[in-house]
Amino acid sequence: MSTPIDRIDIEVASRYLLDEELDAAVGRLREVALLTGTQGILVTRVGPGRYTAALSDQVPFGMTRELVS
């Protein structure tokens, strides 16, 4: 049995790829979030071209938020 993902790290070299990768990551996490109905998705920029998309108890279910640093 596989363990559901709760975090996806993204590293890209262009804005076009960023949009594509973020959309894919949020879509995959949304599927996992639907299983429990208790967490939203938090997207965080961790460095140039580096982001993390993760399930978060701090974000209401059904919402996606970006942490601005």
PDB file of N, CA and C in Angstrom:
ATOM      1  N   MET A   1       0.849  -1.180   0.000  1.00  0.00           N
ATOM      2  CA  MET A   1       0.000   0.000   0.000  1.00  0.00           C
ATOM      3  C   MET A   1       0.891   1.239   0.000  1.00  0.00           C
ATOM      4  N   SER A   2       0.574   2.209  -0.847  1.00  0.00           N
ATOM      5  CA  SER A   2       1.401   3.410  -0.930  1.00  0.00           C
ATOM      6  C   SER A   2       0.917   4.477   0.051  1.00  0.00           C
ATOM      7  N   THR A   3       1.852   5.311   0.469  1.00  0.00           N
ATOM      8  CA  THR A   3       1.538   6.401   1.375  1.00  0.00           C
ATOM      9  C   THR A   3       1.186   7.636   0.552  1.00  0.00           C
ATOM     10  N   PRO A   4       0.068   8.308   0.860  1.00  0.00           N
ATOM     11  CA  PRO A   4      -0.289   9.509   0.107  1.00  0.00           C
ATOM     12  C   PRO A   4       0.776  10.596   0.280  1.00  0.00           C
ATOM     13  N   ILE A   5       1.005  11.346  -0.770  1.00  0.00           N
ATOM     14  CA  ILE A   5       1.965  12.440  -0.697  1.00  0.00           C
ATOM     15  C   ILE A   5       1.359  13.600   0.084  1.00  0.00           C
ATOM     16  N   ASP A   6       2.185  14.361   0.784  1.00  0.00           N
ATOM     17  CA  ASP A   6       1.693  15.556   1.462  1.00  0.00           C
ATOM     18  C   ASP A   6       2.557  16.773   1.141  1.00  0.00           C
ATOM     19  N   ARG A   7       3.616  16.560   0.316  1.00  0.00           N
ATOM     20  CA  ARG A   7       4.502  17.664  -0.034  1.00  0.00           C
ATOM     21  C   ARG A   7       5.186  17.353  -1.365  1.00  0.00           C
ATOM     22  N   ILE A   8       5.303  18.383  -2.200  1.00  0.00           N
ATOM     23  CA  ILE A   8       5.981  18.248  -3.482  1.00  0.00           C
ATOM     24  C   ILE A   8       6.964  19.402  -3.619  1.00  0.00           C
ATOM     25  N   ASP A   9       8.223  19.079  -3.845  1.00  0.00           N
ATOM     26  CA  ASP A   9       9.250  20.098  -4.071  1.00  0.00           C
ATOM     27  C   ASP A   9       9.391  20.336  -5.566  1.00  0.00           C
ATOM     28  N   ILE A  10       9.502  21.604  -5.944  1.00  0.00           N
ATOM     29  CA  ILE A  10       9.561  21.995  -7.348  1.00  0.00           C
ATOM     30  C   ILE A  10      10.796  22.849  -7.569  1.00  0.00           C
ATOM     31  N   GLU A  11      11.542  22.524  -8.623  1.00  0.00           N
ATOM     32  CA  GLU A  11      12.692  23.338  -9.001  1.00  0.00           C
ATOM     33  C   GLU A  11      12.658  23.505 -10.519  1.00  0.00           C
ATOM     34  N   VAL A  12      12.630  24.764 -10.980  1.00  0.00           N
ATOM     35  CA  VAL A  12      12.513  25.051 -12.410  1.00  0.00           C
ATOM     36  C   VAL A  12      13.458  26.175 -12.814  1.00  0.00           C
ATOM     37  N   ALA A  13      13.698  26.259 -14.132  1.00  0.00           N
ATOM     38  CA  ALA A  13      14.592  27.287 -14.655  1.00  0.00           C
ATOM     39  C   ALA A  13      13.850  28.389 -15.408  1.00  0.00           C
ATOM     40  N   SER A  14      12.544  28.213 -15.658  1.00  0.00           N
ATOM     41  CA  SER A  14      11.808  29.248 -16.403  1.00  0.00           C
ATOM     42  C   SER A  14      10.402  29.438 -15.839  1.00  0.00           C
ATOM     43  N   ARG A  15       9.860  30.607 -16.065  1.00  0.00           N
ATOM     44  CA  ARG A  15       8.515  30.946 -15.586  1.00  0.00           C
ATOM     45  C   ARG A  15       7.463  30.018 -16.203  1.00  0.00           C
ATOM     46  N   TYR A  16       7.612  29.715 -17.482  1.00  0.00           N
ATOM     47  CA  TYR A  16       6.674  28.829 -18.158  1.00  0.00           C
ATOM     48  C   TYR A  16       6.626  27.465 -17.466  1.00  0.00           C
ATOM     49  N   LEU A  17       7.785  26.915 -17.181  1.00  0.00           N
ATOM     50  CA  LEU A  17       7.831  25.626 -16.494  1.00  0.00           C
ATOM     51  C   LEU A  17       7.282  25.724 -15.078  1.00  0.00           C
ATOM     52  N   LEU A  18       7.498  26.847 -14.422  1.00  0.00           N
ATOM     53  CA  LEU A  18       6.990  27.025 -13.064  1.00  0.00           C
ATOM     54  C   LEU A  18       5.477  26.895 -13.034  1.00  0.00           C
ATOM     55  N   ASP A  19       4.807  27.620 -13.901  1.00  0.00           N
ATOM     56  CA  ASP A  19       3.343  27.553 -13.940  1.00  0.00           C
ATOM     57  C   ASP A  19       2.865  26.127 -14.174  1.00  0.00           C
ATOM     58  N   GLU A  20       3.504  25.447 -15.110  1.00  0.00           N
ATOM     59  CA  GLU A  20       3.130  24.082 -15.434  1.00  0.00           C
ATOM     60  C   GLU A  20       3.351  23.138 -14.240  1.00  0.00           C
ATOM     61  N   GLU A  21       4.509  23.245 -13.608  1.00  0.00           N
ATOM     62  CA  GLU A  21       4.839  22.377 -12.470  1.00  0.00           C
ATOM     63  C   GLU A  21       3.962  22.669 -11.255  1.00  0.00           C
ATOM     64  N   LEU A  22       3.707  23.948 -10.977  1.00  0.00           N
ATOM     65  CA  LEU A  22       2.839  24.298  -9.841  1.00  0.00           C
ATOM     66  C   LEU A  22       1.422  23.786 -10.061  1.00  0.00           C
ATOM     67  N   ASP A  23       0.901  23.944 -11.276  1.00  0.00           N
ATOM     68  CA  ASP A  23      -0.444  23.449 -11.575  1.00  0.00           C
ATOM     69  C   ASP A  23      -0.519  21.937 -11.360  1.00  0.00           C
ATOM     70  N   ALA A  24       0.501  21.219 -11.816  1.00  0.00           N
ATOM     71  CA  ALA A  24       0.510  19.761 -11.660  1.00  0.00           C
ATOM     72  C   ALA A  24       0.597  19.368 -10.184  1.00  0.00           C
ATOM     73  N   ALA A  25       1.458  20.047  -9.429  1.00  0.00           N
ATOM     74  CA  ALA A  25       1.622  19.733  -8.011  1.00  0.00           C
ATOM     75  C   ALA A  25       0.338  19.997  -7.228  1.00  0.00           C
ATOM     76  N   VAL A  26      -0.279  21.141  -7.470  1.00  0.00           N
ATOM     77  CA  VAL A  26      -1.526  21.477  -6.768  1.00  0.00           C
ATOM     78  C   VAL A  26      -2.618  20.473  -7.138  1.00  0.00           C
ATOM     79  N   GLY A  27      -2.674  20.068  -8.392  1.00  0.00           N
ATOM     80  CA  GLY A  27      -3.664  19.074  -8.807  1.00  0.00           C
ATOM     81  C   GLY A  27      -3.480  17.742  -8.093  1.00  0.00           C
ATOM     82  N   ARG A  28      -2.238  17.290  -7.973  1.00  0.00           N
ATOM     83  CA  ARG A  28      -1.982  16.028  -7.269  1.00  0.00           C
ATOM     84  C   ARG A  28      -2.310  16.139  -5.792  1.00  0.00           C
ATOM     85  N   LEU A  29      -1.940  17.269  -5.178  1.00  0.00           N
ATOM     86  CA  LEU A  29      -2.240  17.448  -3.752  1.00  0.00           C
ATOM     87  C   LEU A  29      -3.740  17.595  -3.510  1.00  0.00           C
ATOM     88  N   ARG A  30      -4.439  18.202  -4.448  1.00  0.00           N
ATOM     89  CA  ARG A  30      -5.889  18.348  -4.307  1.00  0.00           C
ATOM     90  C   ARG A  30      -6.549  16.969  -4.222  1.00  0.00           C
ATOM     91  N   GLU A  31      -6.079  16.025  -5.033  1.00  0.00           N
ATOM     92  CA  GLU A  31      -6.625  14.664  -4.985  1.00  0.00           C
ATOM     93  C   GLU A  31      -6.424  14.034  -3.607  1.00  0.00           C
ATOM     94  N   VAL A  32      -5.252  14.248  -3.019  1.00  0.00           N
ATOM     95  CA  VAL A  32      -4.974  13.709  -1.683  1.00  0.00           C
ATOM     96  C   VAL A  32      -5.839  14.410  -0.638  1.00  0.00           C
ATOM     97  N   ALA A  33      -5.962  15.731  -0.753  1.00  0.00           N
ATOM     98  CA  ALA A  33      -6.754  16.508   0.219  1.00  0.00           C
ATOM     99  C   ALA A  33      -8.215  16.063   0.214  1.00  0.00           C
ATOM    100  N   LEU A  34      -8.719  15.681  -0.945  1.00  0.00           N
ATOM    101  CA  LEU A  34     -10.115  15.246  -1.033  1.00  0.00           C
ATOM    102  C   LEU A  34     -10.383  13.972  -0.237  1.00  0.00           C
ATOM    103  N   LEU A  35      -9.352  13.203   0.009  1.00  0.00           N
ATOM    104  CA  LEU A  35      -9.525  11.959   0.769  1.00  0.00           C
ATOM    105  C   LEU A  35      -9.890  12.218   2.225  1.00  0.00           C
ATOM    106  N   THR A  36      -9.352  13.293   2.802  1.00  0.00           N
ATOM    107  CA  THR A  36      -9.619  13.579   4.214  1.00  0.00           C
ATOM    108  C   THR A  36     -10.548  14.767   4.410  1.00  0.00           C
ATOM    109  N   GLY A  37     -10.485  15.722   3.501  1.00  0.00           N
ATOM    110  CA  GLY A  37     -11.345  16.899   3.614  1.00  0.00           C
ATOM    111  C   GLY A  37     -10.992  17.808   4.767  1.00  0.00           C
ATOM    112  N   THR A  38      -9.718  17.784   5.208  1.00  0.00           N
ATOM    113  CA  THR A  38      -9.353  18.582   6.377  1.00  0.00           C
ATOM    114  C   THR A  38      -8.223  19.584   6.132  1.00  0.00           C
ATOM    115  N   GLN A  39      -7.538  19.499   4.992  1.00  0.00           N
ATOM    116  CA  GLN A  39      -6.381  20.367   4.771  1.00  0.00           C
ATOM    117  C   GLN A  39      -6.486  21.092   3.437  1.00  0.00           C
ATOM    118  N   GLY A  40      -5.890  22.294   3.424  1.00  0.00           N
ATOM    119  CA  GLY A  40      -5.749  23.030   2.184  1.00  0.00           C
ATOM    120  C   GLY A  40      -4.330  22.859   1.672  1.00  0.00           C
ATOM    121  N   ILE A  41      -3.972  23.674   0.679  1.00  0.00           N
ATOM    122  CA  ILE A  41      -2.654  23.573   0.055  1.00  0.00           C
ATOM    123  C   ILE A  41      -1.922  24.894   0.229  1.00  0.00           C
ATOM    124  N   LEU A  42      -0.678  24.799   0.674  1.00  0.00           N
ATOM    125  CA  LEU A  42       0.170  25.970   0.874  1.00  0.00           C
ATOM    126  C   LEU A  42       1.351  25.879  -0.086  1.00  0.00           C
ATOM    127  N   VAL A  43       1.525  26.935  -0.916  1.00  0.00           N
ATOM    128  CA  VAL A  43       2.643  27.016  -1.845  1.00  0.00           C
ATOM    129  C   VAL A  43       3.630  28.041  -1.298  1.00  0.00           C
ATOM    130  N   THR A  44       4.892  27.647  -1.167  1.00  0.00           N
ATOM    131  CA  THR A  44       5.919  28.507  -0.583  1.00  0.00           C
ATOM    132  C   THR A  44       7.118  28.614  -1.515  1.00  0.00           C
ATOM    133  N   ARG A  45       7.577  29.835  -1.766  1.00  0.00           N
ATOM    134  CA  ARG A  45       8.813  30.037  -2.529  1.00  0.00           C
ATOM    135  C   ARG A  45       9.965  29.911  -1.543  1.00  0.00           C
ATOM    136  N   VAL A  46      10.870  28.978  -1.811  1.00  0.00           N
ATOM    137  CA  VAL A  46      11.973  28.736  -0.882  1.00  0.00           C
ATOM    138  C   VAL A  46      13.309  29.251  -1.422  1.00  0.00           C
ATOM    139  N   GLY A  47      13.315  29.711  -2.665  1.00  0.00           N
ATOM    140  CA  GLY A  47      14.527  30.255  -3.270  1.00  0.00           C
ATOM    141  C   GLY A  47      14.275  30.512  -4.738  1.00  0.00           C
ATOM    142  N   PRO A  48      15.251  31.065  -5.443  1.00  0.00           N
ATOM    143  CA  PRO A  48      15.084  31.312  -6.878  1.00  0.00           C
ATOM    144  C   PRO A  48      14.757  30.019  -7.637  1.00  0.00           C
ATOM    145  N   GLY A  49      13.584  29.983  -8.239  1.00  0.00           N
ATOM    146  CA  GLY A  49      13.172  28.808  -8.998  1.00  0.00           C
ATOM    147  C   GLY A  49      12.838  27.593  -8.164  1.00  0.00           C
ATOM    148  N   ARG A  50      12.733  27.756  -6.837  1.00  0.00           N
ATOM    149  CA  ARG A  50      12.460  26.631  -5.944  1.00  0.00           C
ATOM    150  C   ARG A  50      11.204  26.916  -5.114  1.00  0.00           C
ATOM    151  N   TYR A  51      10.275  25.974  -5.160  1.00  0.00           N
ATOM    152  CA  TYR A  51       9.004  26.102  -4.451  1.00  0.00           C
ATOM    153  C   TYR A  51       8.654  24.788  -3.786  1.00  0.00           C
ATOM    154  N   THR A  52       7.780  24.888  -2.787  1.00  0.00           N
ATOM    155  CA  THR A  52       7.225  23.708  -2.137  1.00  0.00           C
ATOM    156  C   THR A  52       5.704  23.864  -2.135  1.00  0.00           C
ATOM    157  N   ALA A  53       5.016  22.819  -2.531  1.00  0.00           N
ATOM    158  CA  ALA A  53       3.557  22.761  -2.419  1.00  0.00           C
ATOM    159  C   ALA A  53       3.256  21.663  -1.413  1.00  0.00           C
ATOM    160  N   ALA A  54       2.466  21.997  -0.394  1.00  0.00           N
ATOM    161  CA  ALA A  54       2.234  21.023   0.676  1.00  0.00           C
ATOM    162  C   ALA A  54       0.821  21.136   1.237  1.00  0.00           C
ATOM    163  N   LEU A  55       0.314  20.010   1.718  1.00  0.00           N
ATOM    164  CA  LEU A  55      -0.936  20.039   2.464  1.00  0.00           C
ATOM    165  C   LEU A  55      -0.666  20.735   3.788  1.00  0.00           C
ATOM    166  N   SER A  56      -1.639  21.535   4.244  1.00  0.00           N
ATOM    167  CA  SER A  56      -1.422  22.303   5.461  1.00  0.00           C
ATOM    168  C   SER A  56      -2.700  22.418   6.273  1.00  0.00           C
ATOM    169  N   ASP A  57      -2.551  22.196   7.580  1.00  0.00           N
ATOM    170  CA  ASP A  57      -3.675  22.411   8.501  1.00  0.00           C
ATOM    171  C   ASP A  57      -3.975  23.894   8.662  1.00  0.00           C
ATOM    172  N   GLN A  58      -3.038  24.750   8.300  1.00  0.00           N
ATOM    173  CA  GLN A  58      -3.201  26.199   8.448  1.00  0.00           C
ATOM    174  C   GLN A  58      -4.006  26.817   7.302  1.00  0.00           C
ATOM    175  N   VAL A  59      -4.301  26.023   6.283  1.00  0.00           N
ATOM    176  CA  VAL A  59      -5.082  26.487   5.136  1.00  0.00           C
ATOM    177  C   VAL A  59      -6.398  25.713   5.141  1.00  0.00           C
ATOM    178  N   PRO A  60      -7.536  26.422   5.068  1.00  0.00           N
ATOM    179  CA  PRO A  60      -8.817  25.727   5.085  1.00  0.00           C
ATOM    180  C   PRO A  60      -8.959  24.765   3.890  1.00  0.00           C
ATOM    181  N   PHE A  61      -9.651  23.653   4.132  1.00  0.00           N
ATOM    182  CA  PHE A  61      -9.912  22.688   3.081  1.00  0.00           C
ATOM    183  C   PHE A  61     -10.563  23.396   1.885  1.00  0.00           C
ATOM    184  N   GLY A  62     -10.120  23.035   0.696  1.00  0.00           N
ATOM    185  CA  GLY A  62     -10.675  23.624  -0.515  1.00  0.00           C
ATOM    186  C   GLY A  62      -9.967  24.891  -0.979  1.00  0.00           C
ATOM    187  N   MET A  63      -8.995  25.345  -0.196  1.00  0.00           N
ATOM    188  CA  MET A  63      -8.280  26.582  -0.536  1.00  0.00           C
ATOM    189  C   MET A  63      -6.820  26.268  -0.875  1.00  0.00           C
ATOM    190  N   THR A  64      -6.235  27.112  -1.711  1.00  0.00           N
ATOM    191  CA  THR A  64      -4.795  27.081  -1.994  1.00  0.00           C
ATOM    192  C   THR A  64      -4.282  28.480  -1.699  1.00  0.00           C
ATOM    193  N   ARG A  65      -3.252  28.560  -0.886  1.00  0.00           N
ATOM    194  CA  ARG A  65      -2.676  29.863  -0.530  1.00  0.00           C
ATOM    195  C   ARG A  65      -1.178  29.861  -0.831  1.00  0.00           C
ATOM    196  N   GLU A  66      -0.671  31.055  -1.091  1.00  0.00           N
ATOM    197  CA  GLU A  66       0.757  31.228  -1.335  1.00  0.00           C
ATOM    198  C   GLU A  66       1.361  31.969  -0.151  1.00  0.00           C
ATOM    199  N   LEU A  67       2.441  31.438   0.371  1.00  0.00           N
ATOM    200  CA  LEU A  67       3.170  32.099   1.457  1.00  0.00           C
ATOM    201  C   LEU A  67       4.172  33.030   0.812  1.00  0.00           C
ATOM    202  N   VAL A  68       4.000  34.318   1.061  1.00  0.00           N
ATOM    203  CA  VAL A  68       4.880  35.324   0.482  1.00  0.00           C
ATOM    204  C   VAL A  68       5.969  35.639   1.503  1.00  0.00           C
ATOM    205  N   SER A  69       7.209  35.512   1.068  1.00  0.00           N
ATOM    206  CA  SER A  69       8.312  35.800   1.992  1.00  0.00           C
ATOM    207  C   SER A  69       8.956  37.139   1.687  1.00  0.00           C
TER     208      SER A  69
END
